[in-house]
Amino acid sequence: TARNAGGVVSSTHVVTITAAAFPFYDGFEAGSLGAGWSVFTDTQGRVQVSSTYPYSGAYSVLLDSQKEYVYSTASIILTIDLEGQVGVVLDFWWREFDDANHSQDGVFISDDGLTWYQILSFNDGPFSFRQDVIYLDARAEDYGLTFNDHFQIKFQFYDRFSVPYTGYAIDEVRVRPEAVTGVEIGGPTRGNV
């Protein structure tokens, strides 16, 4: 609910997000965000599923600002059911487009959607795609978080220019069991798994 200066409600929005099932994979090949994803932007922040800079396949997600010189935030948030899971790994590919370093850039986790903890900084990121594998059990434990049926993982950009001058591309996102032996999670397997 938002109120203007006079205290009048200007609009009310209810957003229902269905948590993605575990294990999870999205290479964004549908050309849109799949189940479990939500978007947060402020000011001129922009989230695009685009064919311009994919790591694998035809699409990736781009996070940037759609207007130059306007500092903005752009995030994709995965809500996933991790209740009762152990040995959970976040595995994804990403690259930077000459983004300036900001503490708001990176990957964050939350078990309540209100308080976020950074588990990977995107500062000084790679200019070509790199795979990162993060052991979520250890990181959740670091911050006293509990895996639940609405655990959230956020990929976030903060800066003032658009791709290809600043921003990030995210692709091949997996949330999978730690030990994968002879199990196909889905999606292409290119690079180190």
Protein backbone atom coordinates (compact mmCIF):
# COMPACT_ATOMS: atom_id res chain seq x y z
CA THR A 1 0.00 0.00 0.00
CA ALA A 2 1.35 3.39 -0.94
CA ARG A 3 0.15 6.71 0.48
CA ASN A 4 0.72 10.11 -1.04
CA ALA A 5 1.62 13.24 0.97
CA GLY A 6 -2.04 13.68 1.96
CA GLY A 7 -2.20 10.14 3.37
CA VAL A 8 -4.48 8.87 0.61
CA VAL A 9 -3.93 5.31 -0.60
CA SER A 10 -2.82 5.59 -4.21
CA SER A 11 -2.59 1.87 -5.01
CA THR A 12 -2.47 -1.56 -3.46
CA HIS A 13 -0.73 -4.53 -5.04
CA VAL A 14 -0.78 -8.13 -3.90
CA VAL A 15 1.93 -10.32 -5.37
CA THR A 16 1.77 -14.07 -4.94
CA ILE A 17 4.92 -15.97 -5.76
CA THR A 18 4.87 -19.73 -6.07
CA ALA A 19 8.12 -21.20 -4.82
CA ALA A 20 10.13 -23.21 -7.32
CA ALA A 21 10.71 -26.88 -6.57
CA PHE A 22 14.12 -28.30 -5.65
CA PRO A 23 16.24 -29.17 -7.60
CA PHE A 24 15.91 -26.12 -9.84
CA TYR A 25 17.24 -25.14 -13.26
CA ASP A 26 16.61 -22.13 -15.50
CA GLY A 27 18.66 -21.29 -18.59
CA PHE A 28 16.01 -18.67 -19.55
CA GLU A 29 15.43 -20.44 -22.88
CA ALA A 30 11.70 -19.69 -22.73
CA GLY A 31 12.68 -16.06 -23.37
CA SER A 32 11.14 -15.04 -20.04
CA LEU A 33 11.62 -15.63 -16.34
CA GLY A 34 10.30 -19.03 -15.28
CA ALA A 35 8.40 -20.17 -12.20
CA GLY A 36 9.74 -18.98 -8.86
CA TRP A 37 11.29 -15.75 -10.16
CA SER A 38 10.26 -12.22 -9.20
CA VAL A 39 11.77 -8.87 -10.13
CA PHE A 40 12.68 -5.84 -8.04
CA THR A 41 13.74 -2.54 -9.61
CA ASP A 42 13.92 1.02 -8.41
CA THR A 43 14.43 4.36 -10.18
CA GLN A 44 15.48 3.24 -13.69
CA GLY A 45 16.56 -0.34 -12.90
CA ARG A 46 15.91 -2.84 -15.67
CA VAL A 47 15.68 -6.63 -15.87
CA GLN A 48 15.62 -8.20 -19.34
CA VAL A 49 15.64 -11.74 -20.61
CA SER A 50 17.70 -11.09 -23.72
CA SER A 51 19.34 -12.92 -26.61
CA THR A 52 22.16 -10.35 -26.75
CA TYR A 53 24.65 -11.92 -24.31
CA PRO A 54 23.85 -15.58 -23.51
CA TYR A 55 26.41 -17.91 -21.99
CA SER A 56 24.67 -21.01 -23.31
CA GLY A 57 21.63 -21.36 -25.53
CA ALA A 58 19.88 -18.26 -26.84
CA TYR A 59 19.02 -16.23 -23.70
CA SER A 60 20.35 -14.83 -20.44
CA VAL A 61 19.12 -12.26 -17.92
CA LEU A 62 20.57 -8.75 -18.09
CA LEU A 63 20.55 -6.44 -15.05
CA ASP A 64 21.24 -2.75 -15.69
CA SER A 65 19.87 0.81 -15.63
CA GLN A 66 17.71 1.88 -18.56
CA LYS A 67 18.69 5.54 -18.18
CA GLU A 68 22.27 6.81 -18.02
CA TYR A 69 23.49 8.76 -15.00
CA VAL A 70 20.58 7.56 -12.83
CA TYR A 71 21.72 5.24 -10.03
CA SER A 72 19.32 2.31 -10.02
CA THR A 73 18.82 -1.18 -8.64
CA ALA A 74 17.74 -4.20 -10.69
CA SER A 75 17.27 -7.64 -9.14
CA ILE A 76 15.91 -11.06 -9.94
CA ILE A 77 14.81 -13.05 -6.91
CA LEU A 78 14.33 -16.80 -6.89
CA THR A 79 11.91 -18.12 -4.28
CA ILE A 80 12.55 -21.83 -3.80
CA ASP A 81 11.25 -24.54 -1.50
CA LEU A 82 14.31 -25.79 0.39
CA GLU A 83 12.43 -27.08 3.45
CA GLY A 84 14.22 -30.15 4.82
CA GLN A 85 17.04 -30.00 2.28
CA VAL A 86 20.72 -30.45 3.12
CA GLY A 87 23.74 -30.21 0.86
CA VAL A 88 22.27 -27.47 -1.35
CA VAL A 89 24.42 -25.80 -4.01
CA LEU A 90 23.79 -22.65 -6.06
CA ASP A 91 25.53 -23.03 -9.42
CA PHE A 92 25.35 -20.31 -12.11
CA TRP A 93 27.26 -18.45 -14.83
CA TRP A 94 27.66 -14.66 -14.89
CA ARG A 95 29.67 -11.81 -16.35
CA GLU A 96 30.16 -8.10 -15.76
CA PHE A 97 29.96 -5.21 -18.22
CA ASP A 98 32.56 -2.83 -16.73
CA ASP A 99 30.34 -2.17 -13.71
CA ALA A 100 31.65 0.14 -10.98
CA ASN A 101 32.09 -1.54 -7.60
CA HIS A 102 29.16 -1.13 -5.20
CA SER A 103 28.33 -3.05 -2.03
CA GLN A 104 24.82 -3.64 -3.43
CA ASP A 105 26.16 -5.71 -6.38
CA GLY A 106 26.09 -9.45 -5.89
CA VAL A 107 24.17 -12.49 -4.75
CA PHE A 108 22.16 -12.35 -1.53
CA ILE A 109 20.08 -14.85 0.45
CA SER A 110 17.11 -14.50 2.81
CA ASP A 111 14.80 -16.83 4.70
CA ASP A 112 12.16 -14.12 5.28
CA GLY A 113 12.38 -11.83 2.22
CA LEU A 114 13.12 -8.85 4.48
CA THR A 115 16.69 -9.28 5.68
CA TRP A 116 19.32 -10.06 3.04
CA TYR A 117 22.87 -11.36 3.41
CA GLN A 118 25.48 -11.12 0.68
CA ILE A 119 27.08 -14.45 -0.24
CA LEU A 120 28.96 -13.30 -3.36
CA SER A 121 30.12 -9.85 -4.42
CA PHE A 122 30.00 -8.99 -8.12
CA ASN A 123 32.73 -6.36 -7.59
CA ASP A 124 35.74 -6.69 -9.91
CA GLY A 125 33.81 -9.32 -11.87
CA PRO A 126 34.86 -11.08 -15.06
CA PHE A 127 34.35 -9.60 -18.54
CA SER A 128 33.67 -13.08 -19.91
CA PHE A 129 31.34 -15.64 -18.35
CA ARG A 130 32.49 -17.37 -15.17
CA GLN A 131 30.85 -20.17 -13.23
CA ASP A 132 30.37 -19.77 -9.50
CA VAL A 133 29.34 -22.61 -7.20
CA ILE A 134 28.17 -21.62 -3.71
CA TYR A 135 27.44 -24.12 -0.93
CA LEU A 136 24.25 -22.67 0.50
CA ASP A 137 24.16 -24.75 3.70
CA ALA A 138 27.38 -23.15 4.95
CA ARG A 139 26.38 -19.65 3.88
CA ALA A 140 22.91 -19.94 5.44
CA GLU A 141 24.51 -21.20 8.65
CA ASP A 142 26.94 -18.23 8.62
CA TYR A 143 23.94 -15.90 8.96
CA GLY A 144 21.66 -18.07 11.12
CA LEU A 145 19.22 -18.69 8.26
CA THR A 146 16.98 -21.73 7.92
CA PHE A 147 16.04 -23.46 4.68
CA ASN A 148 12.25 -23.15 4.41
CA ASP A 149 9.50 -23.35 1.78
CA HIS A 150 10.10 -19.73 0.71
CA PHE A 151 13.91 -19.37 0.80
CA GLN A 152 15.11 -16.59 -1.51
CA ILE A 153 18.21 -16.02 -3.64
CA LYS A 154 18.69 -12.56 -5.14
CA PHE A 155 21.01 -11.53 -8.00
CA GLN A 156 21.41 -7.74 -7.83
CA PHE A 157 22.84 -4.82 -9.84
CA TYR A 158 23.35 -1.23 -8.70
CA ASP A 159 24.81 1.48 -10.94
CA ARG A 160 23.89 4.17 -13.46
CA PHE A 161 24.45 2.88 -17.00
CA SER A 162 23.08 0.18 -19.29
CA VAL A 163 24.59 -2.92 -20.88
CA PRO A 164 27.12 -3.02 -22.54
CA TYR A 165 28.64 -0.15 -20.51
CA THR A 166 27.67 -1.49 -17.10
CA GLY A 167 25.54 -4.28 -15.67
CA TYR A 168 25.52 -8.05 -15.43
CA ALA A 169 24.43 -11.08 -17.42
CA ILE A 170 23.21 -14.14 -15.49
CA ASP A 171 22.69 -17.57 -17.09
CA GLU A 172 22.34 -21.30 -16.38
CA VAL A 173 21.06 -20.98 -12.80
CA ARG A 174 20.87 -24.24 -10.86
CA VAL A 175 20.00 -24.95 -7.25
CA ARG A 176 20.97 -28.58 -6.87
CA PRO A 177 22.13 -31.25 -4.45
CA GLU A 178 25.79 -31.00 -3.52
CA ALA A 179 26.74 -34.45 -4.79
CA VAL A 180 25.39 -35.05 -8.27
CA THR A 181 26.45 -38.44 -9.56
CA GLY A 182 24.64 -39.76 -12.60
CA VAL A 183 21.68 -37.40 -12.06
CA GLU A 184 20.57 -35.02 -14.81
CA ILE A 185 19.31 -31.74 -13.31
CA GLY A 186 18.41 -30.27 -16.70
CA GLY A 187 19.99 -27.87 -19.11
CA PRO A 188 23.28 -28.05 -20.95
CA THR A 189 26.45 -29.04 -19.13
CA ARG A 190 29.15 -26.80 -20.48
CA GLY A 191 32.21 -26.02 -18.41
CA ASN A 192 32.99 -27.26 -14.92
CA VAL A 193 30.06 -28.86 -13.12
